Protein backbone atom coordinates (compact mmCIF):
# COMPACT_ATOMS: atom_id res chain seq x y z
CA UNK A 1 -67.15 -123.44 74.98
CA UNK A 2 -71.53 -127.76 73.08
CA UNK A 3 -69.20 -125.63 74.41
CA UNK A 4 -70.28 -128.87 72.17
CA UNK A 5 -68.40 -127.10 69.67
CA UNK A 6 -66.16 -125.45 71.85
CA UNK A 7 -63.35 -127.52 71.10
CA UNK A 8 -63.45 -126.72 67.43
CA UNK A 9 -59.74 -125.63 66.03
CA UNK A 10 -59.89 -122.22 64.71
CA UNK A 11 -56.46 -121.55 62.64
CA UNK A 12 -55.10 -118.11 63.32
CA UNK A 13 -55.69 -116.40 59.74
CA UNK A 14 -56.48 -112.71 58.65
CA UNK A 15 -60.29 -112.40 59.13
CA UNK A 16 -62.13 -111.35 55.97
CA UNK A 17 -63.34 -107.61 56.58
CA UNK A 18 -66.97 -107.00 56.67
CA UNK A 19 -68.19 -104.06 54.85
CA UNK A 20 -71.82 -103.86 56.24
CA UNK A 21 -73.70 -104.89 59.32
CA UNK A 22 -75.47 -107.67 57.86
CA UNK A 23 -74.91 -110.11 55.53
CA UNK A 24 -78.50 -111.40 55.42
CA UNK A 25 -81.76 -109.67 55.64
CA UNK A 26 -83.88 -110.30 58.61
CA UNK A 27 -86.60 -112.35 56.19
CA UNK A 28 -83.48 -114.73 55.26
CA UNK A 29 -82.63 -114.95 58.84
CA UNK A 30 -85.86 -116.30 60.04
CA UNK A 31 -86.56 -118.40 57.13
CA UNK A 32 -82.72 -120.12 58.04
CA UNK A 33 -83.81 -120.19 61.65
CA UNK A 34 -87.02 -121.88 60.71
CA UNK A 35 -84.93 -124.62 58.39
CA UNK A 36 -82.40 -125.18 61.25
CA UNK A 37 -84.73 -125.65 64.15
CA UNK A 38 -86.64 -128.43 62.02
CA UNK A 39 -83.06 -129.93 61.89
CA UNK A 40 -82.36 -129.70 65.30
CA UNK A 41 -79.05 -127.57 63.77
CA UNK A 42 -78.32 -125.25 67.28
CA UNK A 43 -74.84 -124.25 66.14
CA UNK A 44 -76.01 -123.51 62.48
CA UNK A 45 -78.82 -121.32 64.15
CA UNK A 46 -76.43 -119.53 65.78
CA UNK A 47 -73.89 -118.98 63.08
CA UNK A 48 -76.72 -117.51 61.14
CA UNK A 49 -77.52 -115.16 63.76
CA UNK A 50 -73.75 -114.18 64.20
CA UNK A 51 -73.72 -113.61 60.26
CA UNK A 52 -77.03 -111.44 60.26
CA UNK A 53 -75.47 -108.65 62.74
CA UNK A 54 -71.97 -108.46 61.04
CA UNK A 55 -70.05 -110.47 63.79
CA UNK A 56 -67.53 -113.21 62.98
CA UNK A 57 -68.02 -115.92 65.75
CA UNK A 58 -70.31 -116.50 68.53
CA UNK A 59 -69.95 -118.25 72.13
CA UNK A 60 -72.91 -118.65 73.85
CA UNK A 61 -72.66 -119.10 77.80
CA UNK A 62 -75.20 -120.45 80.31
CA UNK A 63 -74.38 -118.64 83.63
CA UNK A 64 -76.36 -121.21 86.38
CA UNK A 65 -73.90 -124.07 85.30
CA UNK A 66 -70.90 -121.81 85.94
CA UNK A 67 -68.42 -123.85 88.00
CA UNK A 68 -64.60 -123.38 89.11
CA UNK A 69 -63.05 -124.76 85.78
CA UNK A 70 -65.51 -122.22 83.78
CA UNK A 71 -65.61 -124.36 80.76
CA UNK A 72 -68.92 -125.89 82.08
CA UNK A 73 -70.82 -122.85 81.59
CA UNK A 74 -69.82 -122.33 77.55
CA UNK A 75 -73.06 -124.05 75.69
CA UNK A 76 -72.02 -123.58 72.16
CA UNK A 77 -69.05 -121.76 70.28
CA UNK A 78 -66.98 -121.48 67.28
CA UNK A 79 -64.17 -119.42 69.11
CA UNK A 80 -60.86 -121.31 69.59
CA UNK A 81 -60.66 -123.44 72.40
CA UNK A 82 -57.71 -121.63 73.84
CA UNK A 83 -59.50 -118.36 73.64
CA UNK A 84 -62.85 -120.14 75.57
CA UNK A 85 -60.58 -121.67 78.12
CA UNK A 86 -58.80 -118.32 78.91
CA UNK A 87 -62.00 -116.15 78.94
CA UNK A 88 -64.43 -118.87 80.71
CA UNK A 89 -63.01 -117.98 83.72
CA UNK A 90 -63.54 -114.21 83.51
CA UNK A 91 -66.81 -114.38 82.37
CA UNK A 92 -67.72 -116.64 85.43
CA UNK A 93 -66.07 -114.03 87.58
CA UNK A 94 -68.00 -111.44 85.69
CA UNK A 95 -71.39 -112.87 86.39
CA UNK A 96 -70.60 -113.85 90.26
CA UNK A 97 -69.60 -110.12 90.86
CA UNK A 98 -72.90 -108.92 89.04
CA UNK A 99 -75.86 -107.79 91.32
CA UNK A 100 -79.28 -109.43 90.42
CA UNK A 101 -80.26 -105.75 89.60
CA UNK A 102 -77.73 -105.53 87.37
CA UNK A 103 -78.42 -108.32 85.91
CA UNK A 104 -82.23 -107.41 84.95
CA UNK A 105 -81.39 -104.33 83.85
CA UNK A 106 -78.71 -105.92 81.05
CA UNK A 107 -80.80 -107.99 79.53
CA UNK A 108 -80.94 -107.22 75.89
CA UNK A 109 -78.67 -104.34 76.73
CA UNK A 110 -75.26 -104.93 74.52
CA UNK A 111 -71.84 -103.84 76.16
CA UNK A 112 -68.27 -104.57 74.74
CA UNK A 113 -65.28 -105.74 76.77
CA UNK A 114 -61.89 -105.47 75.80
CA UNK A 115 -59.92 -109.08 75.52
CA UNK A 116 -56.81 -109.78 77.28
CA UNK A 117 -53.62 -108.59 75.99
CA UNK A 118 -52.43 -111.91 76.44
CA UNK A 119 -55.14 -113.60 74.07
CA UNK A 120 -54.13 -113.99 70.27
CA UNK A 121 -56.78 -113.41 67.89
CA UNK A 122 -56.11 -113.43 64.06
CA UNK A 123 -55.34 -110.19 62.31
CA UNK A 124 -58.28 -108.01 61.47
CA UNK A 125 -60.62 -109.26 64.31
CA UNK A 126 -61.13 -106.39 66.93
CA UNK A 127 -60.04 -107.04 70.42
CA UNK A 128 -63.08 -106.12 71.88
CA UNK A 129 -65.85 -108.47 72.05
CA UNK A 130 -69.73 -107.88 72.79
CA UNK A 131 -71.89 -109.50 74.99
CA UNK A 132 -76.14 -109.46 74.81
CA UNK A 133 -77.56 -111.31 77.71
CA UNK A 134 -81.04 -112.53 77.64
CA UNK A 135 -83.05 -115.14 79.81
CA UNK A 136 -84.85 -118.43 78.87
CA UNK A 137 -87.37 -118.47 81.51
CA UNK A 138 -85.12 -118.46 85.07
CA UNK A 139 -81.75 -119.42 83.02
CA UNK A 140 -79.56 -116.44 82.14
CA UNK A 141 -77.62 -116.93 78.92
CA UNK A 142 -75.01 -114.44 77.30
CA UNK A 143 -74.43 -114.58 73.46
CA UNK A 144 -70.68 -113.26 73.06
CA UNK A 145 -69.68 -111.87 69.71
CA UNK A 146 -66.19 -111.55 67.87
CA UNK A 147 -66.60 -109.00 64.80
CA UNK A 148 -64.05 -107.47 62.42
CA UNK A 149 -62.24 -104.30 63.23
CA UNK A 150 -63.56 -102.20 61.13
CA UNK A 151 -67.41 -102.80 61.65
CA UNK A 152 -69.70 -101.09 63.95
CA UNK A 153 -72.23 -103.46 65.21
CA UNK A 154 -75.84 -102.36 65.09
CA UNK A 155 -77.43 -102.02 68.69
CA UNK A 156 -80.75 -102.59 67.27
CA UNK A 157 -79.52 -105.74 65.37
CA UNK A 158 -77.69 -107.15 68.52
CA UNK A 159 -81.30 -106.80 70.38
CA UNK A 160 -83.01 -108.67 67.25
CA UNK A 161 -80.39 -111.64 67.36
CA UNK A 162 -80.55 -111.45 71.51
CA UNK A 163 -84.34 -112.30 71.19
CA UNK A 164 -84.00 -114.72 68.59
CA UNK A 165 -81.17 -116.73 70.30
CA UNK A 166 -83.38 -117.13 73.29
CA UNK A 167 -85.82 -118.37 71.06
CA UNK A 168 -83.50 -120.99 69.97
CA UNK A 169 -81.84 -121.60 72.94
CA UNK A 170 -85.56 -122.70 74.34
CA UNK A 171 -85.72 -125.10 71.58
CA UNK A 172 -82.36 -126.76 72.60
CA UNK A 173 -82.96 -126.73 76.25
CA UNK A 174 -86.28 -129.02 75.72
CA UNK A 175 -84.26 -131.16 73.21
CA UNK A 176 -81.59 -131.55 75.45
CA UNK A 177 -84.06 -132.53 78.39
CA UNK A 178 -85.63 -135.21 75.99
CA UNK A 179 -82.01 -136.50 74.88
CA UNK A 180 -80.29 -136.39 78.06
CA UNK A 181 -80.75 -140.20 79.23
CA UNK A 182 -80.06 -141.41 75.66
CA UNK A 183 -76.77 -139.66 75.79
CA UNK A 184 -75.53 -140.93 79.33
CA UNK A 185 -72.17 -142.81 79.26
CA UNK A 186 -71.33 -146.05 80.95
CA UNK A 187 -68.64 -146.51 83.20
CA UNK A 188 -66.09 -148.22 81.36
CA UNK A 189 -66.48 -145.44 78.38
CA UNK A 190 -66.24 -142.84 81.33
CA UNK A 191 -63.07 -144.33 82.05
CA UNK A 192 -61.69 -144.47 78.46
CA UNK A 193 -62.35 -140.74 78.43
CA UNK A 194 -60.15 -140.00 81.41
CA UNK A 195 -57.48 -142.05 80.04
CA UNK A 196 -57.75 -140.49 76.58
CA UNK A 197 -57.63 -136.92 78.33
CA UNK A 198 -54.36 -138.02 79.74
CA UNK A 199 -52.63 -138.76 76.58
CA UNK A 200 -53.00 -142.39 76.60
CA UNK A 201 -53.24 -144.53 73.39
CA UNK A 202 -56.17 -147.29 72.77
CA UNK A 203 -52.90 -149.51 73.29
CA UNK A 204 -52.08 -148.00 76.59
CA UNK A 205 -55.61 -147.86 77.65
CA UNK A 206 -55.98 -151.72 76.65
CA UNK A 207 -53.14 -152.26 78.89
CA UNK A 208 -54.34 -150.30 81.68
CA UNK A 209 -57.54 -151.64 82.04
CA UNK A 210 -56.83 -155.24 80.68
CA UNK A 211 -58.84 -155.36 77.78
CA UNK A 212 -58.36 -155.53 74.32
CA UNK A 213 -57.44 -152.61 72.03
CA UNK A 214 -60.59 -153.29 69.75
CA UNK A 215 -62.73 -153.06 72.60
CA UNK A 216 -61.24 -149.93 73.75
CA UNK A 217 -61.67 -148.35 70.12
CA UNK A 218 -65.41 -149.56 70.51
CA UNK A 219 -65.67 -148.14 73.59
CA UNK A 220 -64.24 -144.68 72.31
CA UNK A 221 -66.43 -145.07 68.85
CA UNK A 222 -69.63 -145.18 71.43
CA UNK A 223 -68.75 -142.20 73.20
CA UNK A 224 -68.45 -140.32 70.29
CA UNK A 225 -71.49 -141.28 69.03
CA UNK A 226 -73.26 -140.60 72.48
CA UNK A 227 -71.53 -136.92 72.58
CA UNK A 228 -72.14 -136.33 68.78
CA UNK A 229 -68.33 -135.46 68.57
CA UNK A 230 -66.11 -136.63 65.63
CA UNK A 231 -62.95 -136.67 67.29
CA UNK A 232 -61.12 -137.79 70.45
CA UNK A 233 -60.20 -134.24 70.77
CA UNK A 234 -63.81 -133.25 70.60
CA UNK A 235 -65.01 -135.96 72.90
CA UNK A 236 -62.65 -134.47 75.41
CA UNK A 237 -63.76 -131.01 75.15
CA UNK A 238 -67.15 -132.39 75.74
CA UNK A 239 -66.00 -134.19 78.95
CA UNK A 240 -64.31 -131.24 80.57
CA UNK A 241 -67.39 -129.40 79.87
CA UNK A 242 -69.51 -131.47 81.21
CA UNK A 243 -67.21 -132.63 84.41
CA UNK A 244 -66.99 -136.00 83.11
CA UNK A 245 -63.50 -136.23 83.69
């Protein structure tokens, strides 16, 4: 939904029509992926893959992380948060009903699903979304794409980006393992996150915890630094995805 970016706000606006399947060439794509890999720009790499195939927005799901809430299976996304939350439960359910043989046969095979009728999308965006599954070691991922209604996605291009997404995901997985200890939150920071998610202000949290408002703000700043988030809303989304609150 990481879904570090599942909480990104996506305004409902008219989608820009795409007249061709690929906005950049394969050579340009590979160069961009090499550049983003050096800088650790996972979201930028997924955006480049999305642009290459002619889609508009990406969502990457990691299936063995699926829990009852569903949101924790979202690794990274620029879909609107309400759509991520609505669709996450569906993704979890579909994965649970799929046999191991079906999962193996579906790898690198693009498939299309209809968006639920109660989901609001920008005008011009197809109500179908594309799913391409791939594996990194024993871990199964699905790259889910939104695309304009006037675009037919290339099957070959989709298989290309699935392979490249597997490469990018493998790089991120190794980085996450190294950074895991560096990003651990303290009990007090998690406590502040909980109260933020409950809609409390810094002043209210300070009264609840019996410490100063400035100290609360320092804890919140530390949380956003450790989770690489920019706002309290993004920090809450990170906490939900990682079962912290």
